[in-house]
Amino acid sequence: MIILLFMKQYVIDELRAADHKTLKTHLDEYYGPAVLDGIYWISIDTDKLSEIQRQHHACQPHYIAVDLEENRLACELLVRTPNRVRCDCIRYATETQLIWIIALIDNIIKQLKIIT
């Protein structure tokens, strides 16, 4: 049996080595060191949570995973919780969250003057 898993992502690719270093420094400073090799967890603002995510206090904080590799930055569009693997509040980003995620990443890229 073959099981295929797909993940929706927002990706910035073809990063230069200097861009990677700049992004790593920024992510380390503002979001803490990577939890795994190149994986950062960015908490979603509580005002951006869906109704079910707001109700699940035990699952908070909710976050997105950002994967920084040598030549790309990929932002998962799955909203997760560090407290559980399965829960009704773990879902793909709502439209509001999607706009927030893309704006966050785009603002970081712009602030750091990375050309895309």
PDB file of N, CA and C in Angstrom:
ATOM      1  N   MET A   1       0.842  -1.163   0.000  1.00  0.00           N
ATOM      2  CA  MET A   1       0.000   0.000   0.000  1.00  0.00           C
ATOM      3  C   MET A   1       0.896   1.237   0.000  1.00  0.00           C
ATOM      4  N   ILE A   2       0.548   2.196  -0.835  1.00  0.00           N
ATOM      5  CA  ILE A   2       1.276   3.459  -0.914  1.00  0.00           C
ATOM      6  C   ILE A   2       0.365   4.555  -0.380  1.00  0.00           C
ATOM      7  N   ILE A   3       0.898   5.330   0.541  1.00  0.00           N
ATOM      8  CA  ILE A   3       0.153   6.446   1.094  1.00  0.00           C
ATOM      9  C   ILE A   3       0.882   7.721   0.706  1.00  0.00           C
ATOM     10  N   LEU A   4       0.180   8.615   0.058  1.00  0.00           N
ATOM     11  CA  LEU A   4       0.757   9.888  -0.334  1.00  0.00           C
ATOM     12  C   LEU A   4       0.185  10.981   0.556  1.00  0.00           C
ATOM     13  N   LEU A   5       1.060  11.785   1.100  1.00  0.00           N
ATOM     14  CA  LEU A   5       0.633  12.913   1.917  1.00  0.00           C
ATOM     15  C   LEU A   5       1.050  14.198   1.224  1.00  0.00           C
ATOM     16  N   PHE A   6       0.144  15.135   1.177  1.00  0.00           N
ATOM     17  CA  PHE A   6       0.418  16.410   0.543  1.00  0.00           C
ATOM     18  C   PHE A   6       0.265  17.513   1.572  1.00  0.00           C
ATOM     19  N   MET A   7       1.064  18.544   1.432  1.00  0.00           N
ATOM     20  CA  MET A   7       0.996  19.666   2.357  1.00  0.00           C
ATOM     21  C   MET A   7       0.907  20.947   1.535  1.00  0.00           C
ATOM     22  N   LYS A   8      -0.049  21.786   1.881  1.00  0.00           N
ATOM     23  CA  LYS A   8      -0.146  23.097   1.248  1.00  0.00           C
ATOM     24  C   LYS A   8       0.914  23.986   1.874  1.00  0.00           C
ATOM     25  N   GLN A   9       1.610  24.752   1.020  1.00  0.00           N
ATOM     26  CA  GLN A   9       2.693  25.601   1.498  1.00  0.00           C
ATOM     27  C   GLN A   9       2.734  26.906   0.721  1.00  0.00           C
ATOM     28  N   TYR A  10       3.326  27.908   1.356  1.00  0.00           N
ATOM     29  CA  TYR A  10       3.703  29.149   0.693  1.00  0.00           C
ATOM     30  C   TYR A  10       5.222  29.100   0.636  1.00  0.00           C
ATOM     31  N   VAL A  11       5.785  29.157  -0.570  1.00  0.00           N
ATOM     32  CA  VAL A  11       7.224  28.927  -0.739  1.00  0.00           C
ATOM     33  C   VAL A  11       7.899  30.122  -1.404  1.00  0.00           C
ATOM     34  N   ILE A  12       9.035  30.504  -0.839  1.00  0.00           N
ATOM     35  CA  ILE A  12       9.942  31.461  -1.466  1.00  0.00           C
ATOM     36  C   ILE A  12      11.183  30.643  -1.808  1.00  0.00           C
ATOM     37  N   ASP A  13      11.460  30.495  -3.104  1.00  0.00           N
ATOM     38  CA  ASP A  13      12.600  29.650  -3.479  1.00  0.00           C
ATOM     39  C   ASP A  13      13.674  30.466  -4.190  1.00  0.00           C
ATOM     40  N   GLU A  14      14.727  29.794  -4.559  1.00  0.00           N
ATOM     41  CA  GLU A  14      15.895  30.376  -5.208  1.00  0.00           C
ATOM     42  C   GLU A  14      16.560  31.447  -4.339  1.00  0.00           C
ATOM     43  N   LEU A  15      16.605  31.177  -3.019  1.00  0.00           N
ATOM     44  CA  LEU A  15      17.305  32.078  -2.110  1.00  0.00           C
ATOM     45  C   LEU A  15      18.810  31.972  -2.335  1.00  0.00           C
ATOM     46  N   ARG A  16      19.485  33.087  -2.198  1.00  0.00           N
ATOM     47  CA  ARG A  16      20.939  33.082  -2.255  1.00  0.00           C
ATOM     48  C   ARG A  16      21.474  32.750  -0.862  1.00  0.00           C
ATOM     49  N   ALA A  17      22.743  32.370  -0.794  1.00  0.00           N
ATOM     50  CA  ALA A  17      23.354  32.013   0.492  1.00  0.00           C
ATOM     51  C   ALA A  17      23.261  33.164   1.485  1.00  0.00           C
ATOM     52  N   ALA A  18      23.481  34.384   1.025  1.00  0.00           N
ATOM     53  CA  ALA A  18      23.397  35.553   1.907  1.00  0.00           C
ATOM     54  C   ALA A  18      21.965  35.750   2.407  1.00  0.00           C
ATOM     55  N   ASP A  19      20.969  35.468   1.554  1.00  0.00           N
ATOM     56  CA  ASP A  19      19.562  35.579   1.961  1.00  0.00           C
ATOM     57  C   ASP A  19      19.243  34.569   3.055  1.00  0.00           C
ATOM     58  N   HIS A  20      19.750  33.354   2.885  1.00  0.00           N
ATOM     59  CA  HIS A  20      19.524  32.304   3.885  1.00  0.00           C
ATOM     60  C   HIS A  20      20.074  32.733   5.237  1.00  0.00           C
ATOM     61  N   LYS A  21      21.283  33.255   5.224  1.00  0.00           N
ATOM     62  CA  LYS A  21      21.918  33.682   6.473  1.00  0.00           C
ATOM     63  C   LYS A  21      21.120  34.819   7.122  1.00  0.00           C
ATOM     64  N   THR A  22      20.687  35.781   6.325  1.00  0.00           N
ATOM     65  CA  THR A  22      19.899  36.904   6.840  1.00  0.00           C
ATOM     66  C   THR A  22      18.581  36.421   7.421  1.00  0.00           C
ATOM     67  N   LEU A  23      17.896  35.527   6.717  1.00  0.00           N
ATOM     68  CA  LEU A  23      16.632  34.982   7.208  1.00  0.00           C
ATOM     69  C   LEU A  23      16.826  34.184   8.489  1.00  0.00           C
ATOM     70  N   LYS A  24      17.875  33.366   8.529  1.00  0.00           N
ATOM     71  CA  LYS A  24      18.145  32.565   9.726  1.00  0.00           C
ATOM     72  C   LYS A  24      18.374  33.462  10.942  1.00  0.00           C
ATOM     73  N   THR A  25      19.177  34.494  10.758  1.00  0.00           N
ATOM     74  CA  THR A  25      19.440  35.433  11.852  1.00  0.00           C
ATOM     75  C   THR A  25      18.141  36.074  12.332  1.00  0.00           C
ATOM     76  N   HIS A  26      17.317  36.501  11.406  1.00  0.00           N
ATOM     77  CA  HIS A  26      16.046  37.147  11.750  1.00  0.00           C
ATOM     78  C   HIS A  26      15.108  36.172  12.478  1.00  0.00           C
ATOM     79  N   LEU A  27      14.938  34.985  11.930  1.00  0.00           N
ATOM     80  CA  LEU A  27      14.040  33.995  12.545  1.00  0.00           C
ATOM     81  C   LEU A  27      14.538  33.599  13.935  1.00  0.00           C
ATOM     82  N   ASP A  28      15.845  33.405  14.080  1.00  0.00           N
ATOM     83  CA  ASP A  28      16.402  33.076  15.396  1.00  0.00           C
ATOM     84  C   ASP A  28      16.120  34.192  16.404  1.00  0.00           C
ATOM     85  N   GLU A  29      16.281  35.426  15.969  1.00  0.00           N
ATOM     86  CA  GLU A  29      16.108  36.564  16.871  1.00  0.00           C
ATOM     87  C   GLU A  29      14.647  36.781  17.267  1.00  0.00           C
ATOM     88  N   TYR A  30      13.740  36.682  16.302  1.00  0.00           N
ATOM     89  CA  TYR A  30      12.343  37.026  16.574  1.00  0.00           C
ATOM     90  C   TYR A  30      11.466  35.833  16.962  1.00  0.00           C
ATOM     91  N   TYR A  31      11.857  34.620  16.587  1.00  0.00           N
ATOM     92  CA  TYR A  31      11.006  33.457  16.853  1.00  0.00           C
ATOM     93  C   TYR A  31      11.727  32.354  17.608  1.00  0.00           C
ATOM     94  N   GLY A  32      12.905  32.654  18.111  1.00  0.00           N
ATOM     95  CA  GLY A  32      13.667  31.675  18.872  1.00  0.00           C
ATOM     96  C   GLY A  32      14.422  30.746  17.955  1.00  0.00           C
ATOM     97  N   PRO A  33      15.335  29.976  18.527  1.00  0.00           N
ATOM     98  CA  PRO A  33      16.089  29.038  17.689  1.00  0.00           C
ATOM     99  C   PRO A  33      15.163  27.992  17.077  1.00  0.00           C
ATOM    100  N   ALA A  34      15.579  27.443  15.959  1.00  0.00           N
ATOM    101  CA  ALA A  34      14.791  26.412  15.279  1.00  0.00           C
ATOM    102  C   ALA A  34      14.541  25.248  16.221  1.00  0.00           C
ATOM    103  N   VAL A  35      13.291  24.725  16.220  1.00  0.00           N
ATOM    104  CA  VAL A  35      12.950  23.587  17.083  1.00  0.00           C
ATOM    105  C   VAL A  35      13.566  22.302  16.552  1.00  0.00           C
ATOM    106  N   LEU A  36      13.688  22.198  15.263  1.00  0.00           N
ATOM    107  CA  LEU A  36      14.402  21.127  14.577  1.00  0.00           C
ATOM    108  C   LEU A  36      15.294  21.813  13.554  1.00  0.00           C
ATOM    109  N   ASP A  37      16.053  21.073  12.827  1.00  0.00           N
ATOM    110  CA  ASP A  37      16.963  21.658  11.854  1.00  0.00           C
ATOM    111  C   ASP A  37      16.216  22.525  10.846  1.00  0.00           C
ATOM    112  N   GLY A  38      16.250  23.829  11.029  1.00  0.00           N
ATOM    113  CA  GLY A  38      15.638  24.761  10.096  1.00  0.00           C
ATOM    114  C   GLY A  38      14.138  24.951  10.244  1.00  0.00           C
ATOM    115  N   ILE A  39      13.515  24.323  11.229  1.00  0.00           N
ATOM    116  CA  ILE A  39      12.065  24.437  11.430  1.00  0.00           C
ATOM    117  C   ILE A  39      11.785  25.424  12.560  1.00  0.00           C
ATOM    118  N   TYR A  40      11.022  26.451  12.234  1.00  0.00           N
ATOM    119  CA  TYR A  40      10.634  27.468  13.214  1.00  0.00           C
ATOM    120  C   TYR A  40       9.126  27.411  13.413  1.00  0.00           C
ATOM    121  N   TRP A  41       8.695  27.620  14.643  1.00  0.00           N
ATOM    122  CA  TRP A  41       7.274  27.701  14.950  1.00  0.00           C
ATOM    123  C   TRP A  41       6.933  29.157  15.201  1.00  0.00           C
ATOM    124  N   ILE A  42       5.981  29.661  14.457  1.00  0.00           N
ATOM    125  CA  ILE A  42       5.538  31.042  14.620  1.00  0.00           C
ATOM    126  C   ILE A  42       4.097  31.019  15.113  1.00  0.00           C
ATOM    127  N   SER A  43       3.892  31.563  16.293  1.00  0.00           N
ATOM    128  CA  SER A  43       2.555  31.588  16.886  1.00  0.00           C
ATOM    129  C   SER A  43       1.641  32.511  16.098  1.00  0.00           C
ATOM    130  N   ILE A  44       0.409  32.079  15.970  1.00  0.00           N
ATOM    131  CA  ILE A  44      -0.599  32.892  15.300  1.00  0.00           C
ATOM    132  C   ILE A  44      -1.234  33.810  16.328  1.00  0.00           C
ATOM    133  N   ASP A  45      -1.377  35.068  15.982  1.00  0.00           N
ATOM    134  CA  ASP A  45      -2.024  36.032  16.872  1.00  0.00           C
ATOM    135  C   ASP A  45      -3.410  35.516  17.255  1.00  0.00           C
ATOM    136  N   THR A  46      -3.774  35.656  18.519  1.00  0.00           N
ATOM    137  CA  THR A  46      -5.053  35.124  18.999  1.00  0.00           C
ATOM    138  C   THR A  46      -6.246  35.735  18.273  1.00  0.00           C
ATOM    139  N   ASP A  47      -6.124  36.965  17.813  1.00  0.00           N
ATOM    140  CA  ASP A  47      -7.246  37.565  17.090  1.00  0.00           C
ATOM    141  C   ASP A  47      -7.422  36.981  15.688  1.00  0.00           C
ATOM    142  N   LYS A  48      -6.472  36.155  15.253  1.00  0.00           N
ATOM    143  CA  LYS A  48      -6.562  35.510  13.940  1.00  0.00           C
ATOM    144  C   LYS A  48      -7.048  34.055  14.046  1.00  0.00           C
ATOM    145  N   LEU A  49      -7.221  33.546  15.257  1.00  0.00           N
ATOM    146  CA  LEU A  49      -7.644  32.157  15.433  1.00  0.00           C
ATOM    147  C   LEU A  49      -9.096  31.970  15.009  1.00  0.00           C
ATOM    148  N   SER A  50      -9.407  30.761  14.540  1.00  0.00           N
ATOM    149  CA  SER A  50     -10.793  30.419  14.225  1.00  0.00           C
ATOM    150  C   SER A  50     -11.551  30.235  15.536  1.00  0.00           C
ATOM    151  N   GLU A  51     -12.831  30.128  15.445  1.00  0.00           N
ATOM    152  CA  GLU A  51     -13.656  29.962  16.652  1.00  0.00           C
ATOM    153  C   GLU A  51     -13.255  28.711  17.428  1.00  0.00           C
ATOM    154  N   ILE A  52     -13.080  27.598  16.746  1.00  0.00           N
ATOM    155  CA  ILE A  52     -12.719  26.352  17.442  1.00  0.00           C
ATOM    156  C   ILE A  52     -11.325  26.452  18.062  1.00  0.00           C
ATOM    157  N   GLN A  53     -10.399  27.141  17.400  1.00  0.00           N
ATOM    158  CA  GLN A  53      -9.054  27.318  17.954  1.00  0.00           C
ATOM    159  C   GLN A  53      -9.090  28.202  19.195  1.00  0.00           C
ATOM    160  N   ARG A  54      -9.945  29.206  19.194  1.00  0.00           N
ATOM    161  CA  ARG A  54     -10.095  30.054  20.384  1.00  0.00           C
ATOM    162  C   ARG A  54     -10.674  29.274  21.559  1.00  0.00           C
ATOM    163  N   GLN A  55     -11.566  28.338  21.279  1.00  0.00           N
ATOM    164  CA  GLN A  55     -12.220  27.558  22.325  1.00  0.00           C
ATOM    165  C   GLN A  55     -11.294  26.495  22.921  1.00  0.00           C
ATOM    166  N   HIS A  56     -10.292  26.065  22.184  1.00  0.00           N
ATOM    167  CA  HIS A  56      -9.390  25.001  22.631  1.00  0.00           C
ATOM    168  C   HIS A  56      -8.200  25.589  23.388  1.00  0.00           C
ATOM    169  N   HIS A  57      -8.457  26.040  24.611  1.00  0.00           N
ATOM    170  CA  HIS A  57      -7.412  26.663  25.427  1.00  0.00           C
ATOM    171  C   HIS A  57      -6.252  25.704  25.699  1.00  0.00           C
ATOM    172  N   ALA A  58      -6.542  24.423  25.880  1.00  0.00           N
ATOM    173  CA  ALA A  58      -5.498  23.440  26.177  1.00  0.00           C
ATOM    174  C   ALA A  58      -4.563  23.221  24.980  1.00  0.00           C
ATOM    175  N   CYS A  59      -5.028  23.564  23.799  1.00  0.00           N
ATOM    176  CA  CYS A  59      -4.216  23.367  22.595  1.00  0.00           C
ATOM    177  C   CYS A  59      -3.364  24.590  22.253  1.00  0.00           C
ATOM    178  N   GLN A  60      -3.638  25.700  22.867  1.00  0.00           N
ATOM    179  CA  GLN A  60      -2.922  26.929  22.536  1.00  0.00           C
ATOM    180  C   GLN A  60      -1.507  26.909  23.089  1.00  0.00           C
ATOM    181  N   PRO A  61      -0.559  27.559  22.429  1.00  0.00           N
ATOM    182  CA  PRO A  61      -0.733  28.431  21.279  1.00  0.00           C
ATOM    183  C   PRO A  61      -0.813  27.633  19.981  1.00  0.00           C
ATOM    184  N   HIS A  62      -1.479  28.204  19.008  1.00  0.00           N
ATOM    185  CA  HIS A  62      -1.513  27.616  17.666  1.00  0.00           C
ATOM    186  C   HIS A  62      -0.405  28.286  16.862  1.00  0.00           C
ATOM    187  N   TYR A  63       0.154  27.551  15.935  1.00  0.00           N
ATOM    188  CA  TYR A  63       1.298  28.087  15.202  1.00  0.00           C
ATOM    189  C   TYR A  63       1.349  27.529  13.793  1.00  0.00           C
ATOM    190  N   ILE A  64       2.200  28.124  13.006  1.00  0.00           N
ATOM    191  CA  ILE A  64       2.537  27.606  11.690  1.00  0.00           C
ATOM    192  C   ILE A  64       4.005  27.198  11.728  1.00  0.00           C
ATOM    193  N   ALA A  65       4.361  26.252  10.907  1.00  0.00           N
ATOM    194  CA  ALA A  65       5.756  25.809  10.816  1.00  0.00           C
ATOM    195  C   ALA A  65       6.391  26.449   9.582  1.00  0.00           C
ATOM    196  N   VAL A  66       7.578  27.007   9.793  1.00  0.00           N
ATOM    197  CA  VAL A  66       8.345  27.610   8.713  1.00  0.00           C
ATOM    198  C   VAL A  66       9.636  26.807   8.579  1.00  0.00           C
ATOM    199  N   ASP A  67       9.888  26.320   7.382  1.00  0.00           N
ATOM    200  CA  ASP A  67      11.054  25.483   7.108  1.00  0.00           C
ATOM    201  C   ASP A  67      12.048  26.291   6.273  1.00  0.00           C
ATOM    202  N   LEU A  68      13.171  26.629   6.880  1.00  0.00           N
ATOM    203  CA  LEU A  68      14.216  27.389   6.183  1.00  0.00           C
ATOM    204  C   LEU A  68      15.318  26.426   5.759  1.00  0.00           C
ATOM    205  N   GLU A  69      15.503  26.318   4.451  1.00  0.00           N
ATOM    206  CA  GLU A  69      16.576  25.511   3.886  1.00  0.00           C
ATOM    207  C   GLU A  69      17.552  26.439   3.174  1.00  0.00           C
ATOM    208  N   GLU A  70      18.637  25.884   2.694  1.00  0.00           N
ATOM    209  CA  GLU A  70      19.689  26.697   2.070  1.00  0.00           C
ATOM    210  C   GLU A  70      19.171  27.589   0.950  1.00  0.00           C
ATOM    211  N   ASN A  71      18.247  27.080   0.130  1.00  0.00           N
ATOM    212  CA  ASN A  71      17.814  27.860  -1.022  1.00  0.00           C
ATOM    213  C   ASN A  71      16.317  28.160  -1.051  1.00  0.00           C
ATOM    214  N   ARG A  72      15.603  27.873   0.064  1.00  0.00           N
ATOM    215  CA  ARG A  72      14.178  28.171   0.056  1.00  0.00           C
ATOM    216  C   ARG A  72      13.618  28.304   1.465  1.00  0.00           C
ATOM    217  N   LEU A  73      12.511  29.009   1.547  1.00  0.00           N
ATOM    218  CA  LEU A  73      11.755  29.127   2.786  1.00  0.00           C
ATOM    219  C   LEU A  73      10.346  28.641   2.463  1.00  0.00           C
ATOM    220  N   ALA A  74       9.870  27.645   3.205  1.00  0.00           N
ATOM    221  CA  ALA A  74       8.533  27.101   2.983  1.00  0.00           C
ATOM    222  C   ALA A  74       7.714  27.260   4.257  1.00  0.00           C
ATOM    223  N   CYS A  75       6.545  27.807   4.100  1.00  0.00           N
ATOM    224  CA  CYS A  75       5.662  28.046   5.228  1.00  0.00           C
ATOM    225  C   CYS A  75       4.443  27.134   5.069  1.00  0.00           C
ATOM    226  N   GLU A  76       4.282  26.186   5.990  1.00  0.00           N
ATOM    227  CA  GLU A  76       3.121  25.300   5.938  1.00  0.00           C
ATOM    228  C   GLU A  76       1.857  26.105   6.175  1.00  0.00           C
ATOM    229  N   LEU A  77       0.812  25.730   5.522  1.00  0.00           N
ATOM    230  CA  LEU A  77      -0.465  26.405   5.700  1.00  0.00           C
ATOM    231  C   LEU A  77      -1.394  25.606   6.610  1.00  0.00           C
ATOM    232  N   LEU A  78      -0.808  24.690   7.373  1.00  0.00           N
ATOM    233  CA  LEU A  78      -1.553  23.921   8.367  1.00  0.00           C
ATOM    234  C   LEU A  78      -1.319  24.564   9.725  1.00  0.00           C
ATOM    235  N   VAL A  79      -2.398  24.936  10.397  1.00  0.00           N
ATOM    236  CA  VAL A  79      -2.297  25.526  11.730  1.00  0.00           C
ATOM    237  C   VAL A  79      -2.251  24.378  12.723  1.00  0.00           C
ATOM    238  N   ARG A  80      -1.194  24.362  13.522  1.00  0.00           N
ATOM    239  CA  ARG A  80      -0.932  23.255  14.443  1.00  0.00           C
ATOM    240  C   ARG A  80      -0.972  23.718  15.890  1.00  0.00           C
ATOM    241  N   THR A  81      -0.847  22.733  16.779  1.00  0.00           N
ATOM    242  CA  THR A  81      -0.697  22.991  18.203  1.00  0.00           C
ATOM    243  C   THR A  81       0.471  22.135  18.702  1.00  0.00           C
ATOM    244  N   PRO A  82       1.290  22.649  19.605  1.00  0.00           N
ATOM    245  CA  PRO A  82       2.400  21.835  20.110  1.00  0.00           C
ATOM    246  C   PRO A  82       1.951  20.791  21.125  1.00  0.00           C
ATOM    247  N   ASN A  83       0.695  20.851  21.526  1.00  0.00           N
ATOM    248  CA  ASN A  83       0.216  19.985  22.608  1.00  0.00           C
ATOM    249  C   ASN A  83      -0.436  18.690  22.149  1.00  0.00           C
ATOM    250  N   ARG A  84      -0.827  18.615  20.900  1.00  0.00           N
ATOM    251  CA  ARG A  84      -1.528  17.421  20.407  1.00  0.00           C
ATOM    252  C   ARG A  84      -1.159  17.157  18.953  1.00  0.00           C
ATOM    253  N   VAL A  85      -1.282  15.890  18.570  1.00  0.00           N
ATOM    254  CA  VAL A  85      -1.045  15.512  17.181  1.00  0.00           C
ATOM    255  C   VAL A  85      -2.347  15.568  16.399  1.00  0.00           C
ATOM    256  N   ARG A  86      -3.439  15.197  17.051  1.00  0.00           N
ATOM    257  CA  ARG A  86      -4.744  15.217  16.399  1.00  0.00           C
ATOM    258  C   ARG A  86      -5.731  15.968  17.267  1.00  0.00           C
ATOM    259  N   CYS A  87      -6.450  16.862  16.627  1.00  0.00           N
ATOM    260  CA  CYS A  87      -7.490  17.620  17.317  1.00  0.00           C
ATOM    261  C   CYS A  87      -8.299  18.343  16.238  1.00  0.00           C
ATOM    262  N   ASP A  88      -9.538  18.629  16.543  1.00  0.00           N
ATOM    263  CA  ASP A  88     -10.395  19.351  15.600  1.00  0.00           C
ATOM    264  C   ASP A  88      -9.900  20.756  15.301  1.00  0.00           C
ATOM    265  N   CYS A  89      -9.059  21.305  16.180  1.00  0.00           N
ATOM    266  CA  CYS A  89      -8.574  22.673  15.963  1.00  0.00           C
ATOM    267  C   CYS A  89      -7.351  22.721  15.046  1.00  0.00           C
ATOM    268  N   ILE A  90      -6.795  21.579  14.710  1.00  0.00           N
ATOM    269  CA  ILE A  90      -5.663  21.518  13.773  1.00  0.00           C
ATOM    270  C   ILE A  90      -6.258  21.437  12.370  1.00  0.00           C
ATOM    271  N   ARG A  91      -6.090  22.523  11.639  1.00  0.00           N
ATOM    272  CA  ARG A  91      -6.729  22.641  10.325  1.00  0.00           C
ATOM    273  C   ARG A  91      -5.876  23.504   9.410  1.00  0.00           C
ATOM    274  N   TYR A  92      -6.200  23.410   8.113  1.00  0.00           N
ATOM    275  CA  TYR A  92      -5.560  24.337   7.188  1.00  0.00           C
ATOM    276  C   TYR A  92      -6.010  25.751   7.520  1.00  0.00           C
ATOM    277  N   ALA A  93      -5.159  26.696   7.230  1.00  0.00           N
ATOM    278  CA  ALA A  93      -5.403  28.097   7.545  1.00  0.00           C
ATOM    279  C   ALA A  93      -6.717  28.581   6.940  1.00  0.00           C
ATOM    280  N   THR A  94      -7.426  29.376   7.733  1.00  0.00           N
ATOM    281  CA  THR A  94      -8.614  30.054   7.219  1.00  0.00           C
ATOM    282  C   THR A  94      -8.149  31.146   6.263  1.00  0.00           C
ATOM    283  N   GLU A  95      -9.089  31.776   5.590  1.00  0.00           N
ATOM    284  CA  GLU A  95      -8.717  32.858   4.678  1.00  0.00           C
ATOM    285  C   GLU A  95      -8.003  33.982   5.437  1.00  0.00           C
ATOM    286  N   THR A  96      -8.508  34.318   6.611  1.00  0.00           N
ATOM    287  CA  THR A  96      -7.875  35.362   7.436  1.00  0.00           C
ATOM    288  C   THR A  96      -6.458  34.963   7.826  1.00  0.00           C
ATOM    289  N   GLN A  97      -6.273  33.713   8.244  1.00  0.00           N
ATOM    290  CA  GLN A  97      -4.948  33.227   8.632  1.00  0.00           C
ATOM    291  C   GLN A  97      -4.017  33.169   7.426  1.00  0.00           C
ATOM    292  N   LEU A  98      -4.536  32.750   6.292  1.00  0.00           N
ATOM    293  CA  LEU A  98      -3.727  32.677   5.071  1.00  0.00           C
ATOM    294  C   LEU A  98      -3.189  34.056   4.700  1.00  0.00           C
ATOM    295  N   ILE A  99      -4.051  35.047   4.732  1.00  0.00           N
ATOM    296  CA  ILE A  99      -3.631  36.423   4.424  1.00  0.00           C
ATOM    297  C   ILE A  99      -2.579  36.876   5.437  1.00  0.00           C
ATOM    298  N   TRP A 100      -2.783  36.557   6.720  1.00  0.00           N
ATOM    299  CA  TRP A 100      -1.830  36.936   7.770  1.00  0.00           C
ATOM    300  C   TRP A 100      -0.469  36.267   7.553  1.00  0.00           C
ATOM    301  N   ILE A 101      -0.480  34.979   7.226  1.00  0.00           N
ATOM    302  CA  ILE A 101       0.758  34.226   7.020  1.00  0.00           C
ATOM    303  C   ILE A 101       1.547  34.805   5.845  1.00  0.00           C
ATOM    304  N   ILE A 102       0.880  34.991   4.717  1.00  0.00           N
ATOM    305  CA  ILE A 102       1.556  35.506   3.526  1.00  0.00           C
ATOM    306  C   ILE A 102       2.077  36.918   3.788  1.00  0.00           C
ATOM    307  N   ALA A 103       1.276  37.749   4.442  1.00  0.00           N
ATOM    308  CA  ALA A 103       1.720  39.112   4.757  1.00  0.00           C
ATOM    309  C   ALA A 103       2.923  39.089   5.694  1.00  0.00           C
ATOM    310  N   LEU A 104       2.904  38.201   6.691  1.00  0.00           N
ATOM    311  CA  LEU A 104       4.026  38.083   7.628  1.00  0.00           C
ATOM    312  C   LEU A 104       5.320  37.742   6.888  1.00  0.00           C
ATOM    313  N   ILE A 105       5.279  36.708   6.062  1.00  0.00           N
ATOM    314  CA  ILE A 105       6.471  36.278   5.327  1.00  0.00           C
ATOM    315  C   ILE A 105       6.912  37.364   4.346  1.00  0.00           C
ATOM    316  N   ASP A 106       5.963  37.943   3.614  1.00  0.00           N
ATOM    317  CA  ASP A 106       6.303  39.001   2.663  1.00  0.00           C
ATOM    318  C   ASP A 106       6.906  40.215   3.363  1.00  0.00           C
ATOM    319  N   ASN A 107       6.385  40.560   4.536  1.00  0.00           N
ATOM    320  CA  ASN A 107       6.948  41.689   5.286  1.00  0.00           C
ATOM    321  C   ASN A 107       8.362  41.398   5.771  1.00  0.00           C
ATOM    322  N   ILE A 108       8.622  40.169   6.186  1.00  0.00           N
ATOM    323  CA  ILE A 108       9.983  39.790   6.591  1.00  0.00           C
ATOM    324  C   ILE A 108      10.932  39.925   5.404  1.00  0.00           C
ATOM    325  N   ILE A 109      10.517  39.388   4.259  1.00  0.00           N
ATOM    326  CA  ILE A 109      11.333  39.459   3.040  1.00  0.00           C
ATOM    327  C   ILE A 109      11.611  40.925   2.676  1.00  0.00           C
ATOM    328  N   LYS A 110      10.569  41.753   2.735  1.00  0.00           N
ATOM    329  CA  LYS A 110      10.717  43.177   2.406  1.00  0.00           C
ATOM    330  C   LYS A 110      11.609  43.886   3.410  1.00  0.00           C
ATOM    331  N   GLN A 111      11.377  43.652   4.700  1.00  0.00           N
ATOM    332  CA  GLN A 111      12.163  44.287   5.774  1.00  0.00           C
ATOM    333  C   GLN A 111      13.646  43.950   5.636  1.00  0.00           C
ATOM    334  N   LEU A 112      13.943  42.710   5.267  1.00  0.00           N
ATOM    335  CA  LEU A 112      15.336  42.268   5.145  1.00  0.00           C
ATOM    336  C   LEU A 112      15.935  42.605   3.777  1.00  0.00           C
ATOM    337  N   LYS A 113      15.132  43.234   2.910  1.00  0.00           N
ATOM    338  CA  LYS A 113      15.573  43.664   1.588  1.00  0.00           C
ATOM    339  C   LYS A 113      16.087  42.500   0.745  1.00  0.00           C
ATOM    340  N   ILE A 114      15.352  41.395   0.826  1.00  0.00           N
ATOM    341  CA  ILE A 114      15.672  40.217   0.022  1.00  0.00           C
ATOM    342  C   ILE A 114      14.898  40.331  -1.281  1.00  0.00           C
ATOM    343  N   ILE A 115      15.597  40.180  -2.373  1.00  0.00           N
ATOM    344  CA  ILE A 115      14.966  40.299  -3.692  1.00  0.00           C
ATOM    345  C   ILE A 115      14.393  38.935  -4.078  1.00  0.00           C
ATOM    346  N   THR A 116      13.100  38.955  -4.436  1.00  0.00           N
ATOM    347  CA  THR A 116      12.440  37.707  -4.871  1.00  0.00           C
ATOM    348  C   THR A 116      11.933  37.866  -6.277  1.00  0.00           C
TER     349      THR A 116
END
